[in-house]
Amino acid sequence: MEHEQNVNFSGFWTRFLAYLIDGIVLGLVYIPIVVVSGIIQVVLSISLGEESILGVAIATWIIASIIYLAVGLAYMILMPASKYQGTVGKKLMGIKIVDEDGGRISVSKSVLRYLGMIVSGLTFYIGYIMIAFHPQKRALHDIIGGTYVVSAK
């Protein structure tokens, strides 16, 4: 990253707290999805009869899961590529995601970064723990996505 000596890279604990905040934000978004799908399930089960309960349960679970996945992907991919340059958690922690030039990342970089987050988790979270030891505080998904997490100030 250019002008690296002037850059304040965000460390492990700040990023971890941002991640926890994002979990709370997504949890608050998911609660209405679960409640509405539960209500729909009850209403349909009552109106269609007892023999349809399993089919209704499976159908509402699939629909709720698709909505849940779409919301999560939109949040984790589109927010970093937006003018906010990060999720709500990152914004509240005063950090942002940037590209090699210190600018806003593209949606394609954000997708790569998100896929890298899956890899970071599949490596028994070693991909995340790397932040604590990397000189530029980069996680495996930052390296994969060509991104950095820096102070927003």
N, C-alpha and C. Protein backbone atom coordinates (compact mmCIF):
# COMPACT_ATOMS: atom_id res chain seq x y z
N MET A 1 0.85 -1.18 0.00
CA MET A 1 0.00 0.00 0.00
C MET A 1 0.89 1.24 0.00
N GLU A 2 0.55 2.18 -0.87
CA GLU A 2 1.35 3.41 -0.97
C GLU A 2 1.30 4.21 0.32
N HIS A 3 2.40 4.92 0.61
CA HIS A 3 2.49 5.79 1.79
C HIS A 3 2.16 5.04 3.07
N GLU A 4 2.65 3.81 3.16
CA GLU A 4 2.32 2.92 4.27
C GLU A 4 2.66 3.51 5.64
N GLN A 5 3.71 4.31 5.73
CA GLN A 5 4.10 4.87 7.01
C GLN A 5 3.05 5.84 7.57
N ASN A 6 2.19 6.38 6.72
CA ASN A 6 1.15 7.31 7.16
C ASN A 6 -0.19 6.61 7.42
N VAL A 7 -0.23 5.30 7.25
CA VAL A 7 -1.47 4.55 7.36
C VAL A 7 -1.57 3.91 8.74
N ASN A 8 -2.74 4.04 9.35
CA ASN A 8 -3.00 3.41 10.64
C ASN A 8 -3.85 2.16 10.40
N PHE A 9 -3.20 1.00 10.31
CA PHE A 9 -3.90 -0.25 10.07
C PHE A 9 -4.67 -0.66 11.32
N SER A 10 -5.84 -1.20 11.11
CA SER A 10 -6.69 -1.60 12.22
C SER A 10 -6.29 -2.98 12.73
N GLY A 11 -6.14 -3.10 14.04
CA GLY A 11 -5.68 -4.33 14.65
C GLY A 11 -6.77 -5.35 14.93
N PHE A 12 -6.34 -6.44 15.48
CA PHE A 12 -7.21 -7.59 15.72
C PHE A 12 -8.41 -7.25 16.59
N TRP A 13 -8.20 -6.63 17.74
CA TRP A 13 -9.30 -6.43 18.69
C TRP A 13 -10.32 -5.43 18.18
N THR A 14 -9.90 -4.40 17.50
CA THR A 14 -10.85 -3.44 16.92
C THR A 14 -11.71 -4.13 15.88
N ARG A 15 -11.09 -4.93 15.05
CA ARG A 15 -11.81 -5.66 14.02
C ARG A 15 -12.72 -6.72 14.62
N PHE A 16 -12.27 -7.35 15.70
CA PHE A 16 -13.08 -8.35 16.37
C PHE A 16 -14.35 -7.71 16.95
N LEU A 17 -14.20 -6.56 17.59
CA LEU A 17 -15.36 -5.85 18.13
C LEU A 17 -16.32 -5.44 17.00
N ALA A 18 -15.78 -5.00 15.87
CA ALA A 18 -16.62 -4.66 14.72
C ALA A 18 -17.40 -5.88 14.26
N TYR A 19 -16.74 -7.03 14.25
CA TYR A 19 -17.37 -8.29 13.86
C TYR A 19 -18.51 -8.65 14.82
N LEU A 20 -18.30 -8.45 16.12
CA LEU A 20 -19.35 -8.72 17.11
C LEU A 20 -20.54 -7.78 16.90
N ILE A 21 -20.26 -6.52 16.66
CA ILE A 21 -21.33 -5.55 16.40
C ILE A 21 -22.13 -5.97 15.17
N ASP A 22 -21.43 -6.40 14.13
CA ASP A 22 -22.11 -6.85 12.92
C ASP A 22 -23.00 -8.07 13.21
N GLY A 23 -22.55 -8.94 14.08
CA GLY A 23 -23.38 -10.08 14.48
C GLY A 23 -24.67 -9.63 15.15
N ILE A 24 -24.57 -8.61 15.99
CA ILE A 24 -25.76 -8.07 16.66
C ILE A 24 -26.68 -7.41 15.64
N VAL A 25 -26.11 -6.61 14.73
CA VAL A 25 -26.91 -5.93 13.70
C VAL A 25 -27.65 -6.96 12.85
N LEU A 26 -26.94 -7.98 12.37
CA LEU A 26 -27.58 -9.00 11.55
C LEU A 26 -28.61 -9.79 12.36
N GLY A 27 -28.32 -10.05 13.62
CA GLY A 27 -29.28 -10.72 14.49
C GLY A 27 -30.57 -9.93 14.61
N LEU A 28 -30.45 -8.62 14.77
CA LEU A 28 -31.64 -7.77 14.87
C LEU A 28 -32.42 -7.74 13.57
N VAL A 29 -31.73 -7.86 12.46
CA VAL A 29 -32.41 -7.91 11.15
C VAL A 29 -33.07 -9.27 10.97
N TYR A 30 -32.44 -10.32 11.45
CA TYR A 30 -32.97 -11.67 11.26
C TYR A 30 -34.18 -11.97 12.13
N ILE A 31 -34.29 -11.33 13.28
CA ILE A 31 -35.43 -11.60 14.18
C ILE A 31 -36.76 -11.42 13.47
N PRO A 32 -36.99 -10.29 12.78
CA PRO A 32 -38.28 -10.17 12.08
C PRO A 32 -38.49 -11.24 11.01
N ILE A 33 -37.42 -11.67 10.36
CA ILE A 33 -37.55 -12.72 9.34
C ILE A 33 -38.05 -14.01 9.99
N VAL A 34 -37.48 -14.36 11.13
CA VAL A 34 -37.87 -15.57 11.84
C VAL A 34 -39.31 -15.45 12.36
N VAL A 35 -39.65 -14.30 12.92
CA VAL A 35 -41.00 -14.11 13.45
C VAL A 35 -42.04 -14.18 12.34
N VAL A 36 -41.81 -13.47 11.24
CA VAL A 36 -42.76 -13.48 10.13
C VAL A 36 -42.89 -14.88 9.54
N SER A 37 -41.77 -15.58 9.36
CA SER A 37 -41.86 -16.94 8.80
C SER A 37 -42.60 -17.87 9.76
N GLY A 38 -42.42 -17.67 11.06
CA GLY A 38 -43.15 -18.47 12.04
C GLY A 38 -44.64 -18.21 11.99
N ILE A 39 -45.02 -16.94 11.87
CA ILE A 39 -46.44 -16.59 11.77
C ILE A 39 -47.04 -17.19 10.50
N ILE A 40 -46.32 -17.05 9.39
CA ILE A 40 -46.80 -17.63 8.12
C ILE A 40 -46.96 -19.14 8.25
N GLN A 41 -46.01 -19.76 8.91
CA GLN A 41 -46.06 -21.21 9.09
C GLN A 41 -47.29 -21.62 9.89
N VAL A 42 -47.57 -20.91 10.97
CA VAL A 42 -48.73 -21.23 11.80
C VAL A 42 -50.03 -21.02 11.02
N VAL A 43 -50.13 -19.87 10.35
CA VAL A 43 -51.35 -19.56 9.59
C VAL A 43 -51.59 -20.59 8.50
N LEU A 44 -50.56 -20.92 7.74
CA LEU A 44 -50.71 -21.90 6.67
C LEU A 44 -51.02 -23.29 7.22
N SER A 45 -50.39 -23.65 8.31
CA SER A 45 -50.65 -24.97 8.91
C SER A 45 -52.09 -25.09 9.37
N ILE A 46 -52.62 -24.02 9.95
CA ILE A 46 -54.02 -24.03 10.41
C ILE A 46 -54.96 -24.09 9.21
N SER A 47 -54.69 -23.28 8.20
CA SER A 47 -55.61 -23.23 7.06
C SER A 47 -55.52 -24.45 6.14
N LEU A 48 -54.35 -25.05 6.05
CA LEU A 48 -54.19 -26.21 5.15
C LEU A 48 -54.44 -27.54 5.84
N GLY A 49 -54.42 -27.55 7.15
CA GLY A 49 -54.67 -28.78 7.88
C GLY A 49 -53.41 -29.41 8.40
N GLU A 50 -53.63 -30.34 9.33
CA GLU A 50 -52.53 -30.99 10.05
C GLU A 50 -51.58 -31.78 9.14
N GLU A 51 -52.12 -32.39 8.11
CA GLU A 51 -51.30 -33.23 7.23
C GLU A 51 -50.29 -32.41 6.42
N SER A 52 -50.46 -31.09 6.36
CA SER A 52 -49.57 -30.23 5.59
C SER A 52 -48.49 -29.55 6.43
N ILE A 53 -48.47 -29.83 7.71
CA ILE A 53 -47.56 -29.11 8.62
C ILE A 53 -46.10 -29.28 8.21
N LEU A 54 -45.68 -30.49 7.92
CA LEU A 54 -44.28 -30.73 7.56
C LEU A 54 -43.91 -30.00 6.27
N GLY A 55 -44.75 -30.08 5.26
CA GLY A 55 -44.48 -29.39 3.99
C GLY A 55 -44.41 -27.89 4.17
N VAL A 56 -45.33 -27.34 4.96
CA VAL A 56 -45.34 -25.91 5.24
C VAL A 56 -44.08 -25.52 6.00
N ALA A 57 -43.70 -26.32 6.97
CA ALA A 57 -42.50 -26.03 7.77
C ALA A 57 -41.26 -26.01 6.89
N ILE A 58 -41.15 -26.98 6.01
CA ILE A 58 -39.99 -27.03 5.12
C ILE A 58 -39.99 -25.85 4.15
N ALA A 59 -41.13 -25.55 3.57
CA ALA A 59 -41.23 -24.44 2.61
C ALA A 59 -40.89 -23.10 3.28
N THR A 60 -41.45 -22.85 4.46
CA THR A 60 -41.16 -21.57 5.13
C THR A 60 -39.71 -21.51 5.57
N TRP A 61 -39.14 -22.64 5.97
CA TRP A 61 -37.73 -22.67 6.36
C TRP A 61 -36.85 -22.33 5.15
N ILE A 62 -37.16 -22.90 4.00
CA ILE A 62 -36.37 -22.64 2.78
C ILE A 62 -36.47 -21.16 2.39
N ILE A 63 -37.67 -20.62 2.39
CA ILE A 63 -37.85 -19.21 2.02
C ILE A 63 -37.14 -18.30 3.01
N ALA A 64 -37.30 -18.57 4.31
CA ALA A 64 -36.63 -17.75 5.33
C ALA A 64 -35.11 -17.85 5.18
N SER A 65 -34.60 -19.04 4.87
CA SER A 65 -33.16 -19.23 4.69
C SER A 65 -32.63 -18.45 3.50
N ILE A 66 -33.40 -18.43 2.41
CA ILE A 66 -32.99 -17.67 1.22
C ILE A 66 -32.96 -16.18 1.54
N ILE A 67 -33.97 -15.69 2.24
CA ILE A 67 -34.00 -14.27 2.62
C ILE A 67 -32.85 -13.97 3.57
N TYR A 68 -32.63 -14.84 4.53
CA TYR A 68 -31.54 -14.71 5.51
C TYR A 68 -30.19 -14.62 4.80
N LEU A 69 -29.97 -15.51 3.84
CA LEU A 69 -28.72 -15.54 3.08
C LEU A 69 -28.57 -14.28 2.23
N ALA A 70 -29.65 -13.86 1.57
CA ALA A 70 -29.59 -12.66 0.72
C ALA A 70 -29.27 -11.42 1.54
N VAL A 71 -29.89 -11.28 2.70
CA VAL A 71 -29.63 -10.13 3.56
C VAL A 71 -28.18 -10.14 4.04
N GLY A 72 -27.71 -11.29 4.48
CA GLY A 72 -26.33 -11.41 4.96
C GLY A 72 -25.31 -11.12 3.87
N LEU A 73 -25.54 -11.65 2.69
CA LEU A 73 -24.62 -11.41 1.58
C LEU A 73 -24.62 -9.95 1.17
N ALA A 74 -25.81 -9.36 1.09
CA ALA A 74 -25.90 -7.95 0.73
C ALA A 74 -25.15 -7.09 1.74
N TYR A 75 -25.33 -7.39 3.00
CA TYR A 75 -24.67 -6.63 4.07
C TYR A 75 -23.16 -6.77 3.99
N MET A 76 -22.68 -8.00 3.89
CA MET A 76 -21.24 -8.27 3.94
C MET A 76 -20.51 -7.95 2.64
N ILE A 77 -21.23 -7.88 1.53
CA ILE A 77 -20.59 -7.60 0.24
C ILE A 77 -20.83 -6.16 -0.21
N LEU A 78 -22.08 -5.71 -0.14
CA LEU A 78 -22.39 -4.38 -0.66
C LEU A 78 -21.96 -3.24 0.25
N MET A 79 -22.05 -3.43 1.57
CA MET A 79 -21.65 -2.35 2.49
C MET A 79 -20.16 -1.99 2.34
N PRO A 80 -19.24 -2.96 2.28
CA PRO A 80 -17.84 -2.58 2.10
C PRO A 80 -17.56 -1.86 0.78
N ALA A 81 -18.36 -2.15 -0.25
CA ALA A 81 -18.16 -1.51 -1.55
C ALA A 81 -18.94 -0.19 -1.66
N SER A 82 -19.68 0.16 -0.64
CA SER A 82 -20.47 1.38 -0.66
C SER A 82 -19.63 2.57 -0.20
N LYS A 83 -20.26 3.73 -0.17
CA LYS A 83 -19.56 4.93 0.30
C LYS A 83 -19.13 4.81 1.76
N TYR A 84 -19.73 3.88 2.52
CA TYR A 84 -19.38 3.69 3.93
C TYR A 84 -18.07 2.91 4.09
N GLN A 85 -17.69 2.18 3.06
CA GLN A 85 -16.45 1.40 3.03
C GLN A 85 -16.35 0.40 4.18
N GLY A 86 -17.47 -0.13 4.57
CA GLY A 86 -17.46 -1.14 5.63
C GLY A 86 -18.86 -1.35 6.18
N THR A 87 -18.95 -2.27 7.08
CA THR A 87 -20.22 -2.60 7.71
C THR A 87 -20.51 -1.61 8.84
N VAL A 88 -21.67 -1.76 9.45
CA VAL A 88 -22.04 -0.91 10.58
C VAL A 88 -21.01 -1.06 11.70
N GLY A 89 -20.58 -2.28 11.97
CA GLY A 89 -19.58 -2.53 13.01
C GLY A 89 -18.28 -1.78 12.75
N LYS A 90 -17.82 -1.84 11.52
CA LYS A 90 -16.59 -1.12 11.17
C LYS A 90 -16.78 0.38 11.30
N LYS A 91 -17.93 0.87 10.86
CA LYS A 91 -18.21 2.30 10.95
C LYS A 91 -18.20 2.75 12.42
N LEU A 92 -18.86 1.98 13.28
CA LEU A 92 -18.91 2.33 14.71
C LEU A 92 -17.54 2.24 15.38
N MET A 93 -16.68 1.38 14.85
CA MET A 93 -15.33 1.24 15.42
C MET A 93 -14.35 2.22 14.78
N GLY A 94 -14.81 3.03 13.82
CA GLY A 94 -13.96 4.04 13.21
C GLY A 94 -12.93 3.49 12.24
N ILE A 95 -13.29 2.39 11.57
CA ILE A 95 -12.38 1.78 10.61
C ILE A 95 -13.11 1.60 9.27
N LYS A 96 -12.33 1.40 8.21
CA LYS A 96 -12.91 1.20 6.89
C LYS A 96 -12.04 0.26 6.08
N ILE A 97 -12.64 -0.29 5.03
CA ILE A 97 -11.96 -1.21 4.13
C ILE A 97 -11.53 -0.42 2.89
N VAL A 98 -10.27 -0.56 2.52
CA VAL A 98 -9.75 0.16 1.35
C VAL A 98 -9.00 -0.79 0.43
N ASP A 99 -8.77 -0.33 -0.80
CA ASP A 99 -7.98 -1.11 -1.75
C ASP A 99 -6.50 -0.72 -1.62
N GLU A 100 -5.68 -1.20 -2.53
CA GLU A 100 -4.23 -0.95 -2.47
C GLU A 100 -3.88 0.53 -2.55
N ASP A 101 -4.75 1.32 -3.17
CA ASP A 101 -4.51 2.75 -3.32
C ASP A 101 -5.16 3.58 -2.21
N GLY A 102 -5.80 2.91 -1.26
CA GLY A 102 -6.47 3.62 -0.17
C GLY A 102 -7.87 4.08 -0.52
N GLY A 103 -8.39 3.63 -1.66
CA GLY A 103 -9.72 4.04 -2.10
C GLY A 103 -10.78 3.00 -1.81
N ARG A 104 -11.98 3.32 -2.20
CA ARG A 104 -13.12 2.42 -2.01
C ARG A 104 -12.95 1.17 -2.86
N ILE A 105 -13.33 0.03 -2.30
CA ILE A 105 -13.19 -1.22 -3.04
C ILE A 105 -14.39 -1.43 -3.96
N SER A 106 -14.17 -2.20 -5.00
CA SER A 106 -15.24 -2.53 -5.95
C SER A 106 -16.07 -3.68 -5.39
N VAL A 107 -17.21 -3.90 -6.00
CA VAL A 107 -18.06 -5.02 -5.59
C VAL A 107 -17.33 -6.34 -5.84
N SER A 108 -16.59 -6.43 -6.95
CA SER A 108 -15.87 -7.68 -7.24
C SER A 108 -14.79 -7.95 -6.18
N LYS A 109 -14.08 -6.91 -5.75
CA LYS A 109 -13.10 -7.08 -4.65
C LYS A 109 -13.80 -7.49 -3.37
N SER A 110 -14.97 -6.92 -3.13
CA SER A 110 -15.74 -7.25 -1.94
C SER A 110 -16.21 -8.70 -1.96
N VAL A 111 -16.59 -9.18 -3.13
CA VAL A 111 -16.98 -10.59 -3.27
C VAL A 111 -15.78 -11.48 -2.98
N LEU A 112 -14.63 -11.16 -3.57
CA LEU A 112 -13.41 -11.93 -3.30
C LEU A 112 -13.07 -11.93 -1.81
N ARG A 113 -13.18 -10.76 -1.20
CA ARG A 113 -12.89 -10.62 0.23
C ARG A 113 -13.86 -11.48 1.05
N TYR A 114 -15.13 -11.48 0.68
CA TYR A 114 -16.12 -12.28 1.40
C TYR A 114 -15.83 -13.77 1.25
N LEU A 115 -15.51 -14.20 0.03
CA LEU A 115 -15.14 -15.61 -0.17
C LEU A 115 -13.91 -15.96 0.65
N GLY A 116 -12.98 -15.00 0.73
CA GLY A 116 -11.80 -15.19 1.57
C GLY A 116 -12.15 -15.31 3.03
N MET A 117 -13.21 -14.62 3.47
CA MET A 117 -13.65 -14.73 4.87
C MET A 117 -14.10 -16.16 5.17
N ILE A 118 -14.72 -16.79 4.20
CA ILE A 118 -15.12 -18.18 4.38
C ILE A 118 -13.87 -19.05 4.55
N VAL A 119 -12.87 -18.81 3.70
CA VAL A 119 -11.60 -19.54 3.80
C VAL A 119 -10.93 -19.25 5.15
N SER A 120 -10.95 -17.99 5.58
CA SER A 120 -10.36 -17.62 6.88
C SER A 120 -11.00 -18.40 8.01
N GLY A 121 -12.30 -18.60 7.93
CA GLY A 121 -13.01 -19.37 8.95
C GLY A 121 -12.74 -20.86 8.86
N LEU A 122 -12.64 -21.37 7.64
CA LEU A 122 -12.40 -22.81 7.44
C LEU A 122 -11.01 -23.25 7.87
N THR A 123 -10.10 -22.30 8.03
CA THR A 123 -8.74 -22.63 8.46
C THR A 123 -8.64 -22.57 9.99
N PHE A 124 -9.74 -22.94 10.66
CA PHE A 124 -9.82 -22.87 12.11
C PHE A 124 -9.54 -21.46 12.62
N TYR A 125 -9.99 -20.49 11.82
CA TYR A 125 -9.89 -19.06 12.13
C TYR A 125 -8.46 -18.53 12.12
N ILE A 126 -7.54 -19.33 11.63
CA ILE A 126 -6.15 -18.86 11.51
C ILE A 126 -6.09 -17.67 10.56
N GLY A 127 -6.95 -17.70 9.53
CA GLY A 127 -7.02 -16.58 8.59
C GLY A 127 -7.36 -15.26 9.27
N TYR A 128 -8.14 -15.32 10.35
CA TYR A 128 -8.48 -14.13 11.14
C TYR A 128 -7.36 -13.79 12.14
N ILE A 129 -6.81 -14.82 12.76
CA ILE A 129 -5.76 -14.63 13.76
C ILE A 129 -4.52 -13.98 13.14
N MET A 130 -4.34 -14.17 11.83
CA MET A 130 -3.21 -13.55 11.12
C MET A 130 -3.14 -12.05 11.36
N ILE A 131 -4.30 -11.42 11.57
CA ILE A 131 -4.35 -9.97 11.77
C ILE A 131 -3.39 -9.55 12.88
N ALA A 132 -3.35 -10.32 13.94
CA ALA A 132 -2.53 -9.97 15.10
C ALA A 132 -1.03 -10.02 14.79
N PHE A 133 -0.64 -10.76 13.77
CA PHE A 133 0.78 -10.97 13.50
C PHE A 133 1.27 -10.36 12.18
N HIS A 134 0.36 -10.01 11.31
CA HIS A 134 0.74 -9.46 10.01
C HIS A 134 1.20 -8.00 10.18
N PRO A 135 2.28 -7.58 9.53
CA PRO A 135 2.77 -6.21 9.71
C PRO A 135 1.75 -5.13 9.30
N GLN A 136 0.88 -5.46 8.36
CA GLN A 136 -0.15 -4.50 7.93
C GLN A 136 -1.52 -4.89 8.49
N LYS A 137 -1.52 -5.77 9.49
CA LYS A 137 -2.75 -6.20 10.17
C LYS A 137 -3.78 -6.78 9.19
N ARG A 138 -3.28 -7.53 8.21
CA ARG A 138 -4.15 -8.12 7.21
C ARG A 138 -4.55 -9.54 7.58
N ALA A 139 -5.81 -9.84 7.37
CA ALA A 139 -6.30 -11.22 7.50
C ALA A 139 -6.11 -11.92 6.16
N LEU A 140 -6.29 -13.21 6.16
CA LEU A 140 -6.18 -13.97 4.92
C LEU A 140 -7.16 -13.42 3.88
N HIS A 141 -8.37 -13.07 4.30
CA HIS A 141 -9.37 -12.56 3.34
C HIS A 141 -8.99 -11.18 2.81
N ASP A 142 -8.22 -10.41 3.57
CA ASP A 142 -7.72 -9.13 3.04
C ASP A 142 -6.71 -9.38 1.93
N ILE A 143 -5.86 -10.35 2.15
CA ILE A 143 -4.84 -10.69 1.14
C ILE A 143 -5.52 -11.23 -0.12
N ILE A 144 -6.49 -12.13 0.07
CA ILE A 144 -7.23 -12.69 -1.07
C ILE A 144 -7.97 -11.59 -1.84
N GLY A 145 -8.59 -10.68 -1.12
CA GLY A 145 -9.38 -9.62 -1.74
C GLY A 145 -8.59 -8.40 -2.15
N GLY A 146 -7.32 -8.34 -1.78
CA GLY A 146 -6.51 -7.17 -2.10
C GLY A 146 -6.95 -5.93 -1.34
N THR A 147 -7.32 -6.15 -0.06
CA THR A 147 -7.83 -5.04 0.75
C THR A 147 -7.01 -4.85 2.03
N TYR A 148 -7.27 -3.70 2.65
CA TYR A 148 -6.67 -3.34 3.93
C TYR A 148 -7.79 -2.77 4.80
N VAL A 149 -7.66 -2.89 6.10
CA VAL A 149 -8.60 -2.26 7.01
C VAL A 149 -7.82 -1.22 7.79
N VAL A 150 -8.26 0.02 7.67
CA VAL A 150 -7.51 1.15 8.23
C VAL A 150 -8.42 2.05 9.05
N SER A 151 -7.81 2.94 9.82
CA SER A 151 -8.57 3.93 10.56
C SER A 151 -9.30 4.84 9.58
N ALA A 152 -10.55 5.16 9.89
CA ALA A 152 -11.34 6.00 9.00
C ALA A 152 -11.03 7.47 9.20
N LYS A 153 -10.19 7.79 10.17
CA LYS A 153 -9.88 9.18 10.48
C LYS A 153 -8.85 9.75 9.54
